Amino acid sequence: VIISIEPTKLDVAPGEETKYLNTRLIQKENQHGIRPVYMFEEEGSTVDWDPCAGPGAMACPYPGTRVRYYNEMSGEKHAHVLEVDGVF
């Protein structure tokens, strides 16, 4: 399990990149005793959700929020990633 905290990837004013964080929970597959976290969907799904955009959107403080769930390679192993960017 890896927790990665980096500056936001959202569109923010110059100089404000480090005020907001992009946090990622990375869980490698096939780790004994650890089951990956899934968000909204079942295993293998990809989610890219911006609750502040579109019709019926939530009211979100600046710079907004983006929640993602996807798979990637971490080293030579497949991994599940849960990512939250911005203000939640």
PDB file of N, CA and C in Angstrom:
ATOM      1  N   VAL A   1       0.853  -1.174   0.000  1.00  0.00           N
ATOM      2  CA  VAL A   1       0.000   0.000   0.000  1.00  0.00           C
ATOM      3  C   VAL A   1       0.894   1.230   0.000  1.00  0.00           C
ATOM      4  N   ILE A   2       0.608   2.149  -0.917  1.00  0.00           N
ATOM      5  CA  ILE A   2       1.360   3.402  -1.027  1.00  0.00           C
ATOM      6  C   ILE A   2       0.363   4.547  -0.969  1.00  0.00           C
ATOM      7  N   ILE A   3       0.666   5.578  -0.211  1.00  0.00           N
ATOM      8  CA  ILE A   3      -0.128   6.801  -0.206  1.00  0.00           C
ATOM      9  C   ILE A   3       0.753   7.893  -0.789  1.00  0.00           C
ATOM     10  N   SER A   4       0.318   8.481  -1.901  1.00  0.00           N
ATOM     11  CA  SER A   4       1.071   9.515  -2.604  1.00  0.00           C
ATOM     12  C   SER A   4       0.335  10.841  -2.457  1.00  0.00           C
ATOM     13  N   ILE A   5       1.042  11.868  -2.004  1.00  0.00           N
ATOM     14  CA  ILE A   5       0.450  13.202  -1.853  1.00  0.00           C
ATOM     15  C   ILE A   5       1.288  14.168  -2.680  1.00  0.00           C
ATOM     16  N   GLU A   6       0.625  14.805  -3.659  1.00  0.00           N
ATOM     17  CA  GLU A   6       1.298  15.695  -4.596  1.00  0.00           C
ATOM     18  C   GLU A   6       0.471  16.970  -4.765  1.00  0.00           C
ATOM     19  N   PRO A   7       1.044  18.001  -5.392  1.00  0.00           N
ATOM     20  CA  PRO A   7       0.247  19.203  -5.698  1.00  0.00           C
ATOM     21  C   PRO A   7      -0.911  18.843  -6.632  1.00  0.00           C
ATOM     22  N   THR A   8      -1.964  19.622  -6.587  1.00  0.00           N
ATOM     23  CA  THR A   8      -3.163  19.380  -7.399  1.00  0.00           C
ATOM     24  C   THR A   8      -2.847  19.338  -8.886  1.00  0.00           C
ATOM     25  N   LYS A   9      -3.689  18.604  -9.613  1.00  0.00           N
ATOM     26  CA  LYS A   9      -3.636  18.582 -11.074  1.00  0.00           C
ATOM     27  C   LYS A   9      -4.795  19.410 -11.647  1.00  0.00           C
ATOM     28  N   LEU A  10      -5.597  20.008 -10.750  1.00  0.00           N
ATOM     29  CA  LEU A  10      -6.722  20.839 -11.184  1.00  0.00           C
ATOM     30  C   LEU A  10      -6.216  22.169 -11.710  1.00  0.00           C
ATOM     31  N   ASP A  11      -7.060  22.861 -12.446  1.00  0.00           N
ATOM     32  CA  ASP A  11      -6.720  24.173 -13.002  1.00  0.00           C
ATOM     33  C   ASP A  11      -6.843  25.221 -11.899  1.00  0.00           C
ATOM     34  N   VAL A  12      -5.713  25.668 -11.367  1.00  0.00           N
ATOM     35  CA  VAL A  12      -5.699  26.673 -10.304  1.00  0.00           C
ATOM     36  C   VAL A  12      -4.864  27.865 -10.753  1.00  0.00           C
ATOM     37  N   ALA A  13      -4.998  28.964 -10.038  1.00  0.00           N
ATOM     38  CA  ALA A  13      -4.237  30.169 -10.355  1.00  0.00           C
ATOM     39  C   ALA A  13      -2.740  29.913 -10.165  1.00  0.00           C
ATOM     40  N   PRO A  14      -1.891  30.564 -10.957  1.00  0.00           N
ATOM     41  CA  PRO A  14      -0.448  30.394 -10.800  1.00  0.00           C
ATOM     42  C   PRO A  14      -0.008  30.671  -9.362  1.00  0.00           C
ATOM     43  N   GLY A  15       0.837  29.809  -8.836  1.00  0.00           N
ATOM     44  CA  GLY A  15       1.327  29.960  -7.478  1.00  0.00           C
ATOM     45  C   GLY A  15       0.484  29.264  -6.429  1.00  0.00           C
ATOM     46  N   GLU A  16      -0.700  28.766  -6.803  1.00  0.00           N
ATOM     47  CA  GLU A  16      -1.579  28.094  -5.840  1.00  0.00           C
ATOM     48  C   GLU A  16      -1.528  26.574  -5.941  1.00  0.00           C
ATOM     49  N   GLU A  17      -0.636  26.036  -6.770  1.00  0.00           N
ATOM     50  CA  GLU A  17      -0.578  24.589  -6.993  1.00  0.00           C
ATOM     51  C   GLU A  17      -0.341  23.812  -5.707  1.00  0.00           C
ATOM     52  N   THR A  18       0.438  24.369  -4.784  1.00  0.00           N
ATOM     53  CA  THR A  18       0.769  23.633  -3.558  1.00  0.00           C
ATOM     54  C   THR A  18      -0.244  23.860  -2.430  1.00  0.00           C
ATOM     55  N   LYS A  19      -1.247  24.718  -2.641  1.00  0.00           N
ATOM     56  CA  LYS A  19      -2.274  24.943  -1.623  1.00  0.00           C
ATOM     57  C   LYS A  19      -3.309  23.813  -1.608  1.00  0.00           C
ATOM     58  N   TYR A  20      -3.425  23.097  -2.719  1.00  0.00           N
ATOM     59  CA  TYR A  20      -4.418  22.037  -2.866  1.00  0.00           C
ATOM     60  C   TYR A  20      -3.691  20.749  -3.223  1.00  0.00           C
ATOM     61  N   LEU A  21      -4.193  19.633  -2.722  1.00  0.00           N
ATOM     62  CA  LEU A  21      -3.479  18.376  -2.858  1.00  0.00           C
ATOM     63  C   LEU A  21      -4.208  17.359  -3.731  1.00  0.00           C
ATOM     64  N   ASN A  22      -3.425  16.529  -4.377  1.00  0.00           N
ATOM     65  CA  ASN A  22      -3.887  15.360  -5.110  1.00  0.00           C
ATOM     66  C   ASN A  22      -3.370  14.158  -4.321  1.00  0.00           C
ATOM     67  N   THR A  23      -4.274  13.400  -3.710  1.00  0.00           N
ATOM     68  CA  THR A  23      -3.888  12.275  -2.855  1.00  0.00           C
ATOM     69  C   THR A  23      -4.284  10.974  -3.535  1.00  0.00           C
ATOM     70  N   ARG A  24      -3.335  10.047  -3.611  1.00  0.00           N
ATOM     71  CA  ARG A  24      -3.578   8.760  -4.268  1.00  0.00           C
ATOM     72  C   ARG A  24      -3.292   7.613  -3.309  1.00  0.00           C
ATOM     73  N   LEU A  25      -4.230   6.668  -3.227  1.00  0.00           N
ATOM     74  CA  LEU A  25      -4.046   5.420  -2.496  1.00  0.00           C
ATOM     75  C   LEU A  25      -3.765   4.357  -3.547  1.00  0.00           C
ATOM     76  N   ILE A  26      -2.568   3.784  -3.523  1.00  0.00           N
ATOM     77  CA  ILE A  26      -2.142   2.808  -4.517  1.00  0.00           C
ATOM     78  C   ILE A  26      -2.017   1.453  -3.830  1.00  0.00           C
ATOM     79  N   GLN A  27      -2.759   0.468  -4.317  1.00  0.00           N
ATOM     80  CA  GLN A  27      -2.746  -0.872  -3.727  1.00  0.00           C
ATOM     81  C   GLN A  27      -2.371  -1.886  -4.802  1.00  0.00           C
ATOM     82  N   LYS A  28      -1.235  -2.538  -4.624  1.00  0.00           N
ATOM     83  CA  LYS A  28      -0.800  -3.553  -5.581  1.00  0.00           C
ATOM     84  C   LYS A  28      -1.697  -4.778  -5.479  1.00  0.00           C
ATOM     85  N   GLU A  29      -1.919  -5.431  -6.619  1.00  0.00           N
ATOM     86  CA  GLU A  29      -2.735  -6.646  -6.661  1.00  0.00           C
ATOM     87  C   GLU A  29      -1.986  -7.819  -6.049  1.00  0.00           C
ATOM     88  N   ASN A  30      -2.759  -8.806  -5.624  1.00  0.00           N
ATOM     89  CA  ASN A  30      -2.226 -10.074  -5.125  1.00  0.00           C
ATOM     90  C   ASN A  30      -1.296  -9.922  -3.924  1.00  0.00           C
ATOM     91  N   GLN A  31      -1.606  -9.019  -3.035  1.00  0.00           N
ATOM     92  CA  GLN A  31      -0.853  -8.885  -1.796  1.00  0.00           C
ATOM     93  C   GLN A  31      -1.580  -9.686  -0.731  1.00  0.00           C
ATOM     94  N   HIS A  32      -0.911 -10.612  -0.112  1.00  0.00           N
ATOM     95  CA  HIS A  32      -1.517 -11.522   0.856  1.00  0.00           C
ATOM     96  C   HIS A  32      -2.203 -10.746   1.985  1.00  0.00           C
ATOM     97  N   GLY A  33      -3.484 -11.007   2.178  1.00  0.00           N
ATOM     98  CA  GLY A  33      -4.222 -10.425   3.285  1.00  0.00           C
ATOM     99  C   GLY A  33      -4.752  -9.022   3.047  1.00  0.00           C
ATOM    100  N   ILE A  34      -4.498  -8.436   1.879  1.00  0.00           N
ATOM    101  CA  ILE A  34      -4.969  -7.073   1.608  1.00  0.00           C
ATOM    102  C   ILE A  34      -5.847  -7.101   0.365  1.00  0.00           C
ATOM    103  N   ARG A  35      -7.102  -6.681   0.530  1.00  0.00           N
ATOM    104  CA  ARG A  35      -8.017  -6.569  -0.607  1.00  0.00           C
ATOM    105  C   ARG A  35      -8.100  -5.120  -1.027  1.00  0.00           C
ATOM    106  N   PRO A  36      -8.063  -4.836  -2.326  1.00  0.00           N
ATOM    107  CA  PRO A  36      -8.113  -3.446  -2.783  1.00  0.00           C
ATOM    108  C   PRO A  36      -9.455  -2.782  -2.484  1.00  0.00           C
ATOM    109  N   VAL A  37      -9.413  -1.488  -2.317  1.00  0.00           N
ATOM    110  CA  VAL A  37     -10.606  -0.680  -2.104  1.00  0.00           C
ATOM    111  C   VAL A  37     -11.239  -0.408  -3.462  1.00  0.00           C
ATOM    112  N   TYR A  38     -12.562  -0.511  -3.557  1.00  0.00           N
ATOM    113  CA  TYR A  38     -13.272  -0.182  -4.790  1.00  0.00           C
ATOM    114  C   TYR A  38     -14.212   0.966  -4.508  1.00  0.00           C
ATOM    115  N   MET A  39     -14.419   1.783  -5.523  1.00  0.00           N
ATOM    116  CA  MET A  39     -15.236   2.970  -5.351  1.00  0.00           C
ATOM    117  C   MET A  39     -16.412   2.943  -6.316  1.00  0.00           C
ATOM    118  N   PHE A  40     -17.605   2.984  -5.806  1.00  0.00           N
ATOM    119  CA  PHE A  40     -18.839   3.047  -6.588  1.00  0.00           C
ATOM    120  C   PHE A  40     -19.130   1.787  -7.390  1.00  0.00           C
ATOM    121  N   GLU A  41     -18.125   1.175  -7.945  1.00  0.00           N
ATOM    122  CA  GLU A  41     -18.300   0.097  -8.909  1.00  0.00           C
ATOM    123  C   GLU A  41     -17.626  -1.176  -8.427  1.00  0.00           C
ATOM    124  N   GLU A  42     -17.572  -2.144  -9.300  1.00  0.00           N
ATOM    125  CA  GLU A  42     -16.931  -3.411  -8.982  1.00  0.00           C
ATOM    126  C   GLU A  42     -15.491  -3.422  -9.469  1.00  0.00           C
ATOM    127  N   GLU A  43     -14.782  -4.451  -9.112  1.00  0.00           N
ATOM    128  CA  GLU A  43     -13.392  -4.627  -9.503  1.00  0.00           C
ATOM    129  C   GLU A  43     -13.214  -4.478 -11.008  1.00  0.00           C
ATOM    130  N   GLY A  44     -12.163  -3.791 -11.412  1.00  0.00           N
ATOM    131  CA  GLY A  44     -11.855  -3.627 -12.818  1.00  0.00           C
ATOM    132  C   GLY A  44     -12.489  -2.405 -13.459  1.00  0.00           C
ATOM    133  N   SER A  45     -13.358  -1.706 -12.753  1.00  0.00           N
ATOM    134  CA  SER A  45     -14.013  -0.516 -13.291  1.00  0.00           C
ATOM    135  C   SER A  45     -13.074   0.684 -13.244  1.00  0.00           C
ATOM    136  N   THR A  46     -13.351   1.657 -14.091  1.00  0.00           N
ATOM    137  CA  THR A  46     -12.637   2.925 -14.079  1.00  0.00           C
ATOM    138  C   THR A  46     -13.668   4.020 -13.812  1.00  0.00           C
ATOM    139  N   VAL A  47     -13.373   4.902 -12.867  1.00  0.00           N
ATOM    140  CA  VAL A  47     -14.278   5.994 -12.506  1.00  0.00           C
ATOM    141  C   VAL A  47     -13.514   7.303 -12.617  1.00  0.00           C
ATOM    142  N   ASP A  48     -14.116   8.299 -13.245  1.00  0.00           N
ATOM    143  CA  ASP A  48     -13.566   9.654 -13.297  1.00  0.00           C
ATOM    144  C   ASP A  48     -14.743  10.586 -13.039  1.00  0.00           C
ATOM    145  N   TRP A  49     -14.864  11.078 -11.802  1.00  0.00           N
ATOM    146  CA  TRP A  49     -16.052  11.810 -11.364  1.00  0.00           C
ATOM    147  C   TRP A  49     -15.677  13.207 -10.902  1.00  0.00           C
ATOM    148  N   ASP A  50     -16.327  14.184 -11.491  1.00  0.00           N
ATOM    149  CA  ASP A  50     -16.192  15.580 -11.070  1.00  0.00           C
ATOM    150  C   ASP A  50     -17.560  16.005 -10.546  1.00  0.00           C
ATOM    151  N   PRO A  51     -17.777  15.936  -9.228  1.00  0.00           N
ATOM    152  CA  PRO A  51     -19.106  16.239  -8.677  1.00  0.00           C
ATOM    153  C   PRO A  51     -19.513  17.696  -8.837  1.00  0.00           C
ATOM    154  N   CYS A  52     -18.582  18.551  -9.252  1.00  0.00           N
ATOM    155  CA  CYS A  52     -18.863  19.977  -9.374  1.00  0.00           C
ATOM    156  C   CYS A  52     -19.240  20.374 -10.801  1.00  0.00           C
ATOM    157  N   ALA A  53     -19.245  19.436 -11.726  1.00  0.00           N
ATOM    158  CA  ALA A  53     -19.512  19.751 -13.136  1.00  0.00           C
ATOM    159  C   ALA A  53     -20.806  19.095 -13.599  1.00  0.00           C
ATOM    160  N   GLY A  54     -21.426  19.706 -14.581  1.00  0.00           N
ATOM    161  CA  GLY A  54     -22.607  19.119 -15.209  1.00  0.00           C
ATOM    162  C   GLY A  54     -23.901  19.504 -14.522  1.00  0.00           C
ATOM    163  N   PRO A  55     -25.019  19.093 -15.140  1.00  0.00           N
ATOM    164  CA  PRO A  55     -26.334  19.405 -14.573  1.00  0.00           C
ATOM    165  C   PRO A  55     -26.519  18.720 -13.218  1.00  0.00           C
ATOM    166  N   GLY A  56     -27.103  19.427 -12.292  1.00  0.00           N
ATOM    167  CA  GLY A  56     -27.342  18.878 -10.962  1.00  0.00           C
ATOM    168  C   GLY A  56     -26.083  18.761 -10.124  1.00  0.00           C
ATOM    169  N   ALA A  57     -25.050  19.500 -10.517  1.00  0.00           N
ATOM    170  CA  ALA A  57     -23.768  19.417  -9.812  1.00  0.00           C
ATOM    171  C   ALA A  57     -23.862  19.942  -8.388  1.00  0.00           C
ATOM    172  N   MET A  58     -23.001  19.410  -7.536  1.00  0.00           N
ATOM    173  CA  MET A  58     -22.908  19.880  -6.154  1.00  0.00           C
ATOM    174  C   MET A  58     -22.227  21.250  -6.144  1.00  0.00           C
ATOM    175  N   ALA A  59     -22.481  22.030  -5.115  1.00  0.00           N
ATOM    176  CA  ALA A  59     -21.767  23.287  -4.928  1.00  0.00           C
ATOM    177  C   ALA A  59     -20.432  22.949  -4.281  1.00  0.00           C
ATOM    178  N   CYS A  60     -19.352  23.305  -4.938  1.00  0.00           N
ATOM    179  CA  CYS A  60     -18.017  22.967  -4.441  1.00  0.00           C
ATOM    180  C   CYS A  60     -17.185  24.229  -4.282  1.00  0.00           C
ATOM    181  N   PRO A  61     -16.407  24.304  -3.218  1.00  0.00           N
ATOM    182  CA  PRO A  61     -15.510  25.445  -3.061  1.00  0.00           C
ATOM    183  C   PRO A  61     -14.383  25.381  -4.093  1.00  0.00           C
ATOM    184  N   TYR A  62     -13.784  26.514  -4.392  1.00  0.00           N
ATOM    185  CA  TYR A  62     -12.648  26.593  -5.306  1.00  0.00           C
ATOM    186  C   TYR A  62     -11.524  25.719  -4.783  1.00  0.00           C
ATOM    187  N   PRO A  63     -10.811  24.993  -5.562  1.00  0.00           N
ATOM    188  CA  PRO A  63     -10.829  24.848  -7.024  1.00  0.00           C
ATOM    189  C   PRO A  63     -11.687  23.692  -7.514  1.00  0.00           C
ATOM    190  N   GLY A  64     -12.503  23.112  -6.652  1.00  0.00           N
ATOM    191  CA  GLY A  64     -13.350  21.994  -7.055  1.00  0.00           C
ATOM    192  C   GLY A  64     -12.776  20.670  -6.577  1.00  0.00           C
ATOM    193  N   THR A  65     -13.346  19.598  -7.104  1.00  0.00           N
ATOM    194  CA  THR A  65     -12.986  18.250  -6.681  1.00  0.00           C
ATOM    195  C   THR A  65     -12.976  17.320  -7.885  1.00  0.00           C
ATOM    196  N   ARG A  66     -12.075  16.368  -7.871  1.00  0.00           N
ATOM    197  CA  ARG A  66     -12.082  15.308  -8.876  1.00  0.00           C
ATOM    198  C   ARG A  66     -11.737  14.008  -8.164  1.00  0.00           C
ATOM    199  N   VAL A  67     -12.560  12.991  -8.371  1.00  0.00           N
ATOM    200  CA  VAL A  67     -12.351  11.690  -7.755  1.00  0.00           C
ATOM    201  C   VAL A  67     -12.182  10.675  -8.883  1.00  0.00           C
ATOM    202  N   ARG A  68     -11.131   9.884  -8.783  1.00  0.00           N
ATOM    203  CA  ARG A  68     -10.854   8.898  -9.838  1.00  0.00           C
ATOM    204  C   ARG A  68     -10.518   7.546  -9.223  1.00  0.00           C
ATOM    205  N   TYR A  69     -10.853   6.501  -9.955  1.00  0.00           N
ATOM    206  CA  TYR A  69     -10.455   5.144  -9.594  1.00  0.00           C
ATOM    207  C   TYR A  69     -10.023   4.472 -10.889  1.00  0.00           C
ATOM    208  N   TYR A  70      -8.826   3.905 -10.908  1.00  0.00           N
ATOM    209  CA  TYR A  70      -8.308   3.293 -12.122  1.00  0.00           C
ATOM    210  C   TYR A  70      -7.200   2.298 -11.764  1.00  0.00           C
ATOM    211  N   ASN A  71      -6.740   1.557 -12.774  1.00  0.00           N
ATOM    212  CA  ASN A  71      -5.644   0.608 -12.610  1.00  0.00           C
ATOM    213  C   ASN A  71      -4.401   1.165 -13.291  1.00  0.00           C
ATOM    214  N   GLU A  72      -3.235   0.826 -12.752  1.00  0.00           N
ATOM    215  CA  GLU A  72      -1.967   1.219 -13.362  1.00  0.00           C
ATOM    216  C   GLU A  72      -0.898   0.211 -12.949  1.00  0.00           C
ATOM    217  N   MET A  73       0.250   0.312 -13.552  1.00  0.00           N
ATOM    218  CA  MET A  73       1.378  -0.531 -13.169  1.00  0.00           C
ATOM    219  C   MET A  73       2.181   0.207 -12.097  1.00  0.00           C
ATOM    220  N   SER A  74       2.535  -0.507 -11.042  1.00  0.00           N
ATOM    221  CA  SER A  74       3.378   0.042  -9.973  1.00  0.00           C
ATOM    222  C   SER A  74       4.578  -0.895  -9.882  1.00  0.00           C
ATOM    223  N   GLY A  75       5.698  -0.434 -10.414  1.00  0.00           N
ATOM    224  CA  GLY A  75       6.823  -1.340 -10.554  1.00  0.00           C
ATOM    225  C   GLY A  75       6.447  -2.344 -11.633  1.00  0.00           C
ATOM    226  N   GLU A  76       6.497  -3.619 -11.317  1.00  0.00           N
ATOM    227  CA  GLU A  76       6.113  -4.646 -12.281  1.00  0.00           C
ATOM    228  C   GLU A  76       4.801  -5.319 -11.912  1.00  0.00           C
ATOM    229  N   LYS A  77       4.053  -4.719 -10.987  1.00  0.00           N
ATOM    230  CA  LYS A  77       2.779  -5.304 -10.556  1.00  0.00           C
ATOM    231  C   LYS A  77       1.622  -4.394 -10.932  1.00  0.00           C
ATOM    232  N   HIS A  78       0.481  -5.029 -11.205  1.00  0.00           N
ATOM    233  CA  HIS A  78      -0.743  -4.270 -11.431  1.00  0.00           C
ATOM    234  C   HIS A  78      -1.192  -3.683 -10.097  1.00  0.00           C
ATOM    235  N   ALA A  79      -1.738  -2.462 -10.148  1.00  0.00           N
ATOM    236  CA  ALA A  79      -2.176  -1.800  -8.921  1.00  0.00           C
ATOM    237  C   ALA A  79      -3.507  -1.101  -9.160  1.00  0.00           C
ATOM    238  N   HIS A  80      -4.288  -0.955  -8.081  1.00  0.00           N
ATOM    239  CA  HIS A  80      -5.546  -0.205  -8.081  1.00  0.00           C
ATOM    240  C   HIS A  80      -5.258   1.141  -7.434  1.00  0.00           C
ATOM    241  N   VAL A  81      -5.774   2.221  -8.041  1.00  0.00           N
ATOM    242  CA  VAL A  81      -5.507   3.567  -7.536  1.00  0.00           C
ATOM    243  C   VAL A  81      -6.819   4.279  -7.250  1.00  0.00           C
ATOM    244  N   LEU A  82      -6.960   4.819  -6.046  1.00  0.00           N
ATOM    245  CA  LEU A  82      -8.074   5.681  -5.658  1.00  0.00           C
ATOM    246  C   LEU A  82      -7.479   7.062  -5.456  1.00  0.00           C
ATOM    247  N   GLU A  83      -7.948   8.051  -6.224  1.00  0.00           N
ATOM    248  CA  GLU A  83      -7.357   9.391  -6.242  1.00  0.00           C
ATOM    249  C   GLU A  83      -8.414  10.447  -5.931  1.00  0.00           C
ATOM    250  N   VAL A  84      -8.085  11.372  -5.035  1.00  0.00           N
ATOM    251  CA  VAL A  84      -8.954  12.507  -4.723  1.00  0.00           C
ATOM    252  C   VAL A  84      -8.114  13.759  -4.898  1.00  0.00           C
ATOM    253  N   ASP A  85      -8.590  14.668  -5.737  1.00  0.00           N
ATOM    254  CA  ASP A  85      -7.853  15.894  -6.039  1.00  0.00           C
ATOM    255  C   ASP A  85      -8.724  17.097  -5.703  1.00  0.00           C
ATOM    256  N   GLY A  86      -8.146  18.091  -5.040  1.00  0.00           N
ATOM    257  CA  GLY A  86      -8.862  19.315  -4.731  1.00  0.00           C
ATOM    258  C   GLY A  86      -9.487  19.306  -3.341  1.00  0.00           C
ATOM    259  N   VAL A  87     -10.588  20.027  -3.213  1.00  0.00           N
ATOM    260  CA  VAL A  87     -11.271  20.193  -1.931  1.00  0.00           C
ATOM    261  C   VAL A  87     -12.473  19.274  -1.911  1.00  0.00           C
ATOM    262  N   PHE A  88     -12.560  18.404  -0.909  1.00  0.00           N
ATOM    263  CA  PHE A  88     -13.664  17.450  -0.832  1.00  0.00           C
ATOM    264  C   PHE A  88     -14.431  17.666   0.429  1.00  0.00           C
TER     265      PHE A  88
END
